[in-house]
Amino acid sequence: MNVEIIARVRTPYAEKFGAPRQSGLVRSRGEVVFEPAYRSADAVRGLAGFSHIWLIWQFDRNGQRPWSPTVRPPRLGGNERMGVFATRSPYRPNPIGLSCVALEGVEMTDHGPVLHIAGADLVDGTPILDIKPYLPYCDSHPEATSGWTEGLENHPLAVEIRPELAAMLGNDLPGLTDVLSGDPRPRYQNDPTRAYGLTYGKWNVTFHVAEGVAVVEKITAGAMHESPETR
């Protein structure tokens, strides 16, 4: 079976640390930019009528690490093993991910259709293998159970950003606030004196967490990511 990369995603997340653990948890916006061979307006005909879409994508930054029948989920502190098929670990027999994101618009550009999305949990530049519409009548299951993850949902952190730093962020403030509120730290790290750094869009952010509050210490402007068209 030949699998083609049909598009790449644009998000504010330059690296795994700081990217949401699941889709739909943050307000950050992004774009899906199609590869040249798939820049067809016909291919997205009718898509704009859907509020959400499924993105099927590739874990392209796993390196050469092989898959294992069991993994240590970070939600369990990295100390307990679960079967790989009972987790969403990136280290799988086939490195394929699945995300449900909000579709905010379909724009026709000089580079073909561009999908404007919100709530993505993908690192910038992630290859997209397929796109499918989300169908509420069959994709939504309110009665579903959560298995071993029941009760392990993140408890949101309060976020403290000084007014002058918040003013620098402009429209990026809500998305970064969501990322920090979701606590990007590994679950086994809880040192209130430890400073962490992440990249969000063009911003390099330093923060620490103490008594349930993520406190932003410093924000500096960094280099913008390269466009998918140049990859």
C-alpha atoms as a PDB file:
ATOM      1  CA  MET A   1       0.000   0.000   0.000  1.00  0.00           C
ATOM      2  CA  ASN A   2       1.387   3.391  -1.011  1.00  0.00           C
ATOM      3  CA  VAL A   3       0.546   6.259   1.315  1.00  0.00           C
ATOM      4  CA  GLU A   4       0.987   9.810   0.081  1.00  0.00           C
ATOM      5  CA  ILE A   5       1.422  12.997   2.083  1.00  0.00           C
ATOM      6  CA  ILE A   6      -1.437  15.172   0.862  1.00  0.00           C
ATOM      7  CA  ALA A   7      -0.866  18.257   3.032  1.00  0.00           C
ATOM      8  CA  ARG A   8       1.023  19.725   5.959  1.00  0.00           C
ATOM      9  CA  VAL A   9      -0.386  21.511   8.943  1.00  0.00           C
ATOM     10  CA  ARG A  10       0.589  24.944  10.211  1.00  0.00           C
ATOM     11  CA  THR A  11       0.296  25.384  13.984  1.00  0.00           C
ATOM     12  CA  PRO A  12       1.996  27.485  16.683  1.00  0.00           C
ATOM     13  CA  TYR A  13       3.737  24.390  18.098  1.00  0.00           C
ATOM     14  CA  ALA A  14       7.369  24.116  17.070  1.00  0.00           C
ATOM     15  CA  GLU A  15       8.038  21.046  19.199  1.00  0.00           C
ATOM     16  CA  LYS A  16       6.281  18.289  21.125  1.00  0.00           C
ATOM     17  CA  PHE A  17       6.660  20.075  24.464  1.00  0.00           C
ATOM     18  CA  GLY A  18       3.877  22.625  24.631  1.00  0.00           C
ATOM     19  CA  ALA A  19       1.662  20.952  22.040  1.00  0.00           C
ATOM     20  CA  PRO A  20      -1.726  19.905  23.496  1.00  0.00           C
ATOM     21  CA  ARG A  21      -1.993  16.285  24.573  1.00  0.00           C
ATOM     22  CA  GLN A  22      -5.226  15.840  22.637  1.00  0.00           C
ATOM     23  CA  SER A  23      -7.125  17.759  19.993  1.00  0.00           C
ATOM     24  CA  GLY A  24      -9.898  20.170  20.936  1.00  0.00           C
ATOM     25  CA  LEU A  25      -8.331  21.232  24.240  1.00  0.00           C
ATOM     26  CA  VAL A  26      -7.066  24.659  23.148  1.00  0.00           C
ATOM     27  CA  ARG A  27      -8.305  27.607  21.088  1.00  0.00           C
ATOM     28  CA  SER A  28      -5.178  27.852  18.944  1.00  0.00           C
ATOM     29  CA  ARG A  29      -5.765  28.198  15.232  1.00  0.00           C
ATOM     30  CA  GLY A  30      -3.877  26.638  12.354  1.00  0.00           C
ATOM     31  CA  GLU A  31      -3.995  25.868   8.662  1.00  0.00           C
ATOM     32  CA  VAL A  32      -3.885  22.802   6.466  1.00  0.00           C
ATOM     33  CA  VAL A  33      -1.851  23.553   3.325  1.00  0.00           C
ATOM     34  CA  PHE A  34      -2.073  20.982   0.546  1.00  0.00           C
ATOM     35  CA  GLU A  35       0.900  19.581  -1.317  1.00  0.00           C
ATOM     36  CA  PRO A  36       1.111  20.696  -4.986  1.00  0.00           C
ATOM     37  CA  ALA A  37      -0.368  17.477  -6.403  1.00  0.00           C
ATOM     38  CA  TYR A  38      -3.481  17.841  -4.231  1.00  0.00           C
ATOM     39  CA  ARG A  39      -4.241  21.554  -4.610  1.00  0.00           C
ATOM     40  CA  SER A  40      -7.570  20.965  -6.276  1.00  0.00           C
ATOM     41  CA  ALA A  41     -10.669  22.995  -5.482  1.00  0.00           C
ATOM     42  CA  ASP A  42     -12.726  19.989  -6.574  1.00  0.00           C
ATOM     43  CA  ALA A  43     -11.169  17.840  -3.836  1.00  0.00           C
ATOM     44  CA  VAL A  44     -12.660  20.030  -1.085  1.00  0.00           C
ATOM     45  CA  ARG A  45     -16.028  20.659  -2.758  1.00  0.00           C
ATOM     46  CA  GLY A  46     -18.718  20.448  -0.036  1.00  0.00           C
ATOM     47  CA  LEU A  47     -16.242  20.377   2.853  1.00  0.00           C
ATOM     48  CA  ALA A  48     -17.027  23.910   4.056  1.00  0.00           C
ATOM     49  CA  GLY A  49     -20.456  22.744   5.194  1.00  0.00           C
ATOM     50  CA  PHE A  50     -18.965  20.647   8.007  1.00  0.00           C
ATOM     51  CA  SER A  51     -18.091  22.150  11.393  1.00  0.00           C
ATOM     52  CA  HIS A  52     -15.389  19.584  12.222  1.00  0.00           C
ATOM     53  CA  ILE A  53     -13.043  17.298  10.332  1.00  0.00           C
ATOM     54  CA  TRP A  54     -10.822  14.323  11.075  1.00  0.00           C
ATOM     55  CA  LEU A  55      -7.132  14.691  10.279  1.00  0.00           C
ATOM     56  CA  ILE A  56      -5.225  11.457   9.721  1.00  0.00           C
ATOM     57  CA  TRP A  57      -1.536  12.187  10.043  1.00  0.00           C
ATOM     58  CA  GLN A  58       1.958  10.811  10.469  1.00  0.00           C
ATOM     59  CA  PHE A  59       4.152  10.839  13.564  1.00  0.00           C
ATOM     60  CA  ASP A  60       7.111  11.936  11.454  1.00  0.00           C
ATOM     61  CA  ARG A  61       9.520  12.827  14.285  1.00  0.00           C
ATOM     62  CA  ASN A  62       9.761   9.504  16.087  1.00  0.00           C
ATOM     63  CA  GLY A  63      13.256   8.823  14.806  1.00  0.00           C
ATOM     64  CA  GLN A  64      14.127   5.138  14.569  1.00  0.00           C
ATOM     65  CA  ARG A  65      12.572   4.128  17.883  1.00  0.00           C
ATOM     66  CA  PRO A  66      10.766   0.782  17.379  1.00  0.00           C
ATOM     67  CA  TRP A  67       7.271   0.006  18.597  1.00  0.00           C
ATOM     68  CA  SER A  68       6.675  -1.968  21.782  1.00  0.00           C
ATOM     69  CA  PRO A  69       3.640  -4.058  22.815  1.00  0.00           C
ATOM     70  CA  THR A  70       3.461  -2.006  26.023  1.00  0.00           C
ATOM     71  CA  VAL A  71       4.183   1.644  26.790  1.00  0.00           C
ATOM     72  CA  ARG A  72       4.375   3.855  29.880  1.00  0.00           C
ATOM     73  CA  PRO A  73       1.640   6.504  29.549  1.00  0.00           C
ATOM     74  CA  PRO A  74       2.677   9.907  30.956  1.00  0.00           C
ATOM     75  CA  ARG A  75      -0.780  10.159  32.577  1.00  0.00           C
ATOM     76  CA  LEU A  76       0.239   7.290  34.864  1.00  0.00           C
ATOM     77  CA  GLY A  77       3.480   9.029  35.820  1.00  0.00           C
ATOM     78  CA  GLY A  78       5.557   6.896  33.475  1.00  0.00           C
ATOM     79  CA  ASN A  79       5.628   4.081  36.050  1.00  0.00           C
ATOM     80  CA  GLU A  80       2.907   1.714  34.829  1.00  0.00           C
ATOM     81  CA  ARG A  81       2.651  -0.096  31.515  1.00  0.00           C
ATOM     82  CA  MET A  82      -0.385  -0.364  29.274  1.00  0.00           C
ATOM     83  CA  GLY A  83      -0.858  -2.092  25.938  1.00  0.00           C
ATOM     84  CA  VAL A  84       0.075   0.167  23.039  1.00  0.00           C
ATOM     85  CA  PHE A  85      -3.401  -0.289  21.517  1.00  0.00           C
ATOM     86  CA  ALA A  86      -4.966   0.950  24.762  1.00  0.00           C
ATOM     87  CA  THR A  87      -3.051   4.231  24.446  1.00  0.00           C
ATOM     88  CA  ARG A  88      -2.398   7.024  21.978  1.00  0.00           C
ATOM     89  CA  SER A  89       1.358   6.624  22.172  1.00  0.00           C
ATOM     90  CA  PRO A  90       3.217   7.841  19.067  1.00  0.00           C
ATOM     91  CA  TYR A  91       5.399   4.717  19.065  1.00  0.00           C
ATOM     92  CA  ARG A  92       3.123   2.320  17.195  1.00  0.00           C
ATOM     93  CA  PRO A  93       3.530  -0.388  14.532  1.00  0.00           C
ATOM     94  CA  ASN A  94       2.352   2.232  12.027  1.00  0.00           C
ATOM     95  CA  PRO A  95       3.099   5.803  13.187  1.00  0.00           C
ATOM     96  CA  ILE A  96      -0.352   7.222  12.393  1.00  0.00           C
ATOM     97  CA  GLY A  97      -2.301   9.788  14.422  1.00  0.00           C
ATOM     98  CA  LEU A  98      -5.951  10.867  14.391  1.00  0.00           C
ATOM     99  CA  SER A  99      -7.267  14.296  15.440  1.00  0.00           C
ATOM    100  CA  CYS A 100     -10.687  15.903  15.355  1.00  0.00           C
ATOM    101  CA  VAL A 101     -10.453  19.656  14.763  1.00  0.00           C
ATOM    102  CA  ALA A 102     -12.902  22.479  14.147  1.00  0.00           C
ATOM    103  CA  LEU A 103     -13.109  23.643  10.538  1.00  0.00           C
ATOM    104  CA  GLU A 104     -13.427  27.428  10.539  1.00  0.00           C
ATOM    105  CA  GLY A 105     -13.243  27.981   6.808  1.00  0.00           C
ATOM    106  CA  VAL A 106     -11.999  26.871   3.404  1.00  0.00           C
ATOM    107  CA  GLU A 107     -10.031  29.560   1.572  1.00  0.00           C
ATOM    108  CA  MET A 108      -9.044  29.453  -2.074  1.00  0.00           C
ATOM    109  CA  THR A 109      -5.543  30.891  -2.495  1.00  0.00           C
ATOM    110  CA  ASP A 110      -2.764  31.038  -5.084  1.00  0.00           C
ATOM    111  CA  HIS A 111      -1.490  27.819  -3.450  1.00  0.00           C
ATOM    112  CA  GLY A 112      -4.818  26.042  -3.759  1.00  0.00           C
ATOM    113  CA  PRO A 113      -7.346  25.415  -0.979  1.00  0.00           C
ATOM    114  CA  VAL A 114      -6.276  26.207   2.582  1.00  0.00           C
ATOM    115  CA  LEU A 115      -8.286  24.832   5.499  1.00  0.00           C
ATOM    116  CA  HIS A 116      -8.509  27.085   8.542  1.00  0.00           C
ATOM    117  CA  ILE A 117      -8.764  24.943  11.664  1.00  0.00           C
ATOM    118  CA  ALA A 118      -8.880  25.294  15.454  1.00  0.00           C
ATOM    119  CA  GLY A 119      -8.019  22.921  18.269  1.00  0.00           C
ATOM    120  CA  ALA A 120      -5.228  20.990  16.562  1.00  0.00           C
ATOM    121  CA  ASP A 121      -2.721  19.047  18.678  1.00  0.00           C
ATOM    122  CA  LEU A 122      -0.131  18.662  15.888  1.00  0.00           C
ATOM    123  CA  VAL A 123       3.399  20.025  15.737  1.00  0.00           C
ATOM    124  CA  ASP A 124       3.972  22.556  12.965  1.00  0.00           C
ATOM    125  CA  GLY A 125       4.736  20.858   9.646  1.00  0.00           C
ATOM    126  CA  THR A 126       3.164  17.511  10.523  1.00  0.00           C
ATOM    127  CA  PRO A 127       2.316  15.519   7.356  1.00  0.00           C
ATOM    128  CA  ILE A 128      -1.393  14.960   6.710  1.00  0.00           C
ATOM    129  CA  LEU A 129      -2.295  11.623   5.090  1.00  0.00           C
ATOM    130  CA  ASP A 130      -6.048  12.058   4.756  1.00  0.00           C
ATOM    131  CA  ILE A 131      -8.969  14.312   5.698  1.00  0.00           C
ATOM    132  CA  LYS A 132     -12.514  13.148   6.429  1.00  0.00           C
ATOM    133  CA  PRO A 133     -15.627  15.018   7.584  1.00  0.00           C
ATOM    134  CA  TYR A 134     -16.785  14.545  11.175  1.00  0.00           C
ATOM    135  CA  LEU A 135     -20.329  13.137  11.243  1.00  0.00           C
ATOM    136  CA  PRO A 136     -22.126  13.785  14.564  1.00  0.00           C
ATOM    137  CA  TYR A 137     -24.772  11.103  14.024  1.00  0.00           C
ATOM    138  CA  CYS A 138     -22.194   8.313  14.007  1.00  0.00           C
ATOM    139  CA  ASP A 139     -18.933   9.803  15.334  1.00  0.00           C
ATOM    140  CA  SER A 140     -20.335  11.141  18.628  1.00  0.00           C
ATOM    141  CA  HIS A 141     -20.830   8.662  21.492  1.00  0.00           C
ATOM    142  CA  PRO A 142     -21.879  10.463  24.707  1.00  0.00           C
ATOM    143  CA  GLU A 143     -22.211   7.129  26.526  1.00  0.00           C
ATOM    144  CA  ALA A 144     -18.571   6.160  25.853  1.00  0.00           C
ATOM    145  CA  THR A 145     -16.332   5.122  28.757  1.00  0.00           C
ATOM    146  CA  SER A 146     -12.720   6.225  29.269  1.00  0.00           C
ATOM    147  CA  GLY A 147     -11.043   2.995  30.390  1.00  0.00           C
ATOM    148  CA  TRP A 148      -7.902   3.448  32.452  1.00  0.00           C
ATOM    149  CA  THR A 149      -7.908   7.227  31.767  1.00  0.00           C
ATOM    150  CA  GLU A 150     -11.119   7.709  33.800  1.00  0.00           C
ATOM    151  CA  GLY A 151     -10.483  10.388  36.417  1.00  0.00           C
ATOM    152  CA  LEU A 152      -7.045  11.246  35.037  1.00  0.00           C
ATOM    153  CA  GLU A 153      -8.099  14.387  33.180  1.00  0.00           C
ATOM    154  CA  ASN A 154      -5.825  17.358  33.716  1.00  0.00           C
ATOM    155  CA  HIS A 155      -6.836  19.806  36.413  1.00  0.00           C
ATOM    156  CA  PRO A 156      -6.451  23.205  34.746  1.00  0.00           C
ATOM    157  CA  LEU A 157      -3.776  25.501  36.082  1.00  0.00           C
ATOM    158  CA  ALA A 158      -4.415  29.158  36.685  1.00  0.00           C
ATOM    159  CA  VAL A 159      -2.180  31.265  34.421  1.00  0.00           C
ATOM    160  CA  GLU A 160      -0.416  34.433  35.521  1.00  0.00           C
ATOM    161  CA  ILE A 161       1.008  36.725  32.834  1.00  0.00           C
ATOM    162  CA  ARG A 162       2.122  40.256  33.604  1.00  0.00           C
ATOM    163  CA  PRO A 163       0.131  42.886  31.661  1.00  0.00           C
ATOM    164  CA  GLU A 164       3.121  44.041  29.630  1.00  0.00           C
ATOM    165  CA  LEU A 165       3.844  40.457  28.526  1.00  0.00           C
ATOM    166  CA  ALA A 166       0.197  39.793  27.735  1.00  0.00           C
ATOM    167  CA  ALA A 167       0.147  42.933  25.583  1.00  0.00           C
ATOM    168  CA  MET A 168       3.094  41.594  23.557  1.00  0.00           C
ATOM    169  CA  LEU A 169       1.178  38.426  22.663  1.00  0.00           C
ATOM    170  CA  GLY A 170      -1.847  40.112  21.112  1.00  0.00           C
ATOM    171  CA  ASN A 171      -4.057  37.512  19.422  1.00  0.00           C
ATOM    172  CA  ASP A 172      -1.743  34.714  20.581  1.00  0.00           C
ATOM    173  CA  LEU A 173      -2.716  35.282  24.228  1.00  0.00           C
ATOM    174  CA  PRO A 174      -5.785  32.950  24.338  1.00  0.00           C
ATOM    175  CA  GLY A 175      -3.971  30.033  22.700  1.00  0.00           C
ATOM    176  CA  LEU A 176      -0.887  30.301  24.895  1.00  0.00           C
ATOM    177  CA  THR A 177      -3.080  30.628  27.983  1.00  0.00           C
ATOM    178  CA  ASP A 178      -4.839  27.389  27.026  1.00  0.00           C
ATOM    179  CA  VAL A 179      -1.524  25.594  26.526  1.00  0.00           C
ATOM    180  CA  LEU A 180      -0.210  26.658  29.937  1.00  0.00           C
ATOM    181  CA  SER A 181      -3.542  25.965  31.639  1.00  0.00           C
ATOM    182  CA  GLY A 182      -3.342  22.390  30.347  1.00  0.00           C
ATOM    183  CA  ASP A 183       0.016  21.949  32.149  1.00  0.00           C
ATOM    184  CA  PRO A 184       2.515  20.839  29.489  1.00  0.00           C
ATOM    185  CA  ARG A 185       4.915  19.444  32.106  1.00  0.00           C
ATOM    186  CA  PRO A 186       5.401  15.674  32.459  1.00  0.00           C
ATOM    187  CA  ARG A 187       3.129  14.456  35.252  1.00  0.00           C
ATOM    188  CA  TYR A 188       6.066  13.256  37.360  1.00  0.00           C
ATOM    189  CA  GLN A 189       7.660  16.722  37.505  1.00  0.00           C
ATOM    190  CA  ASN A 190       6.385  19.047  40.207  1.00  0.00           C
ATOM    191  CA  ASP A 191       9.335  21.201  41.247  1.00  0.00           C
ATOM    192  CA  PRO A 192       8.072  24.783  41.845  1.00  0.00           C
ATOM    193  CA  THR A 193      11.603  26.165  41.390  1.00  0.00           C
ATOM    194  CA  ARG A 194      12.139  24.620  37.969  1.00  0.00           C
ATOM    195  CA  ALA A 195      11.795  26.868  34.930  1.00  0.00           C
ATOM    196  CA  TYR A 196      10.423  25.468  31.677  1.00  0.00           C
ATOM    197  CA  GLY A 197      10.674  26.852  28.178  1.00  0.00           C
ATOM    198  CA  LEU A 198       8.424  26.340  25.178  1.00  0.00           C
ATOM    199  CA  THR A 199       7.925  27.910  21.773  1.00  0.00           C
ATOM    200  CA  TYR A 200       4.475  29.130  20.799  1.00  0.00           C
ATOM    201  CA  GLY A 201       4.329  30.606  17.313  1.00  0.00           C
ATOM    202  CA  LYS A 202       7.037  33.264  17.186  1.00  0.00           C
ATOM    203  CA  TRP A 203       7.301  33.471  20.973  1.00  0.00           C
ATOM    204  CA  ASN A 204       9.816  31.822  23.301  1.00  0.00           C
ATOM    205  CA  VAL A 205       8.115  31.483  26.677  1.00  0.00           C
ATOM    206  CA  THR A 206       9.688  30.734  30.056  1.00  0.00           C
ATOM    207  CA  PHE A 207       7.436  29.749  32.969  1.00  0.00           C
ATOM    208  CA  HIS A 208       7.288  27.892  36.256  1.00  0.00           C
ATOM    209  CA  VAL A 209       4.425  26.258  38.138  1.00  0.00           C
ATOM    210  CA  ALA A 210       3.793  26.769  41.854  1.00  0.00           C
ATOM    211  CA  GLU A 211       0.679  25.979  43.888  1.00  0.00           C
ATOM    212  CA  GLY A 212      -1.465  25.346  40.844  1.00  0.00           C
ATOM    213  CA  VAL A 213      -0.447  28.505  38.988  1.00  0.00           C
ATOM    214  CA  ALA A 214       1.618  28.678  35.791  1.00  0.00           C
ATOM    215  CA  VAL A 215       3.609  31.890  36.113  1.00  0.00           C
ATOM    216  CA  VAL A 216       5.112  33.308  32.915  1.00  0.00           C
ATOM    217  CA  GLU A 217       8.562  34.693  33.674  1.00  0.00           C
ATOM    218  CA  LYS A 218       9.723  35.879  30.275  1.00  0.00           C
ATOM    219  CA  ILE A 219       8.580  36.140  26.659  1.00  0.00           C
ATOM    220  CA  THR A 220      10.900  36.894  23.759  1.00  0.00           C
ATOM    221  CA  ALA A 221      10.315  36.933  20.023  1.00  0.00           C
ATOM    222  CA  GLY A 222      11.885  34.040  18.115  1.00  0.00           C
ATOM    223  CA  ALA A 223      12.183  32.995  14.486  1.00  0.00           C
ATOM    224  CA  MET A 224       8.991  32.169  12.614  1.00  0.00           C
ATOM    225  CA  HIS A 225       8.663  28.611  11.296  1.00  0.00           C
ATOM    226  CA  GLU A 226       9.234  28.058   7.618  1.00  0.00           C
ATOM    227  CA  SER A 227       6.187  27.739   5.407  1.00  0.00           C
ATOM    228  CA  PRO A 228       5.119  24.232   4.328  1.00  0.00           C
ATOM    229  CA  GLU A 229       5.467  25.351   0.708  1.00  0.00           C
ATOM    230  CA  THR A 230       9.237  25.587   1.223  1.00  0.00           C
ATOM    231  CA  ARG A 231       9.696  22.235   2.936  1.00  0.00           C
END
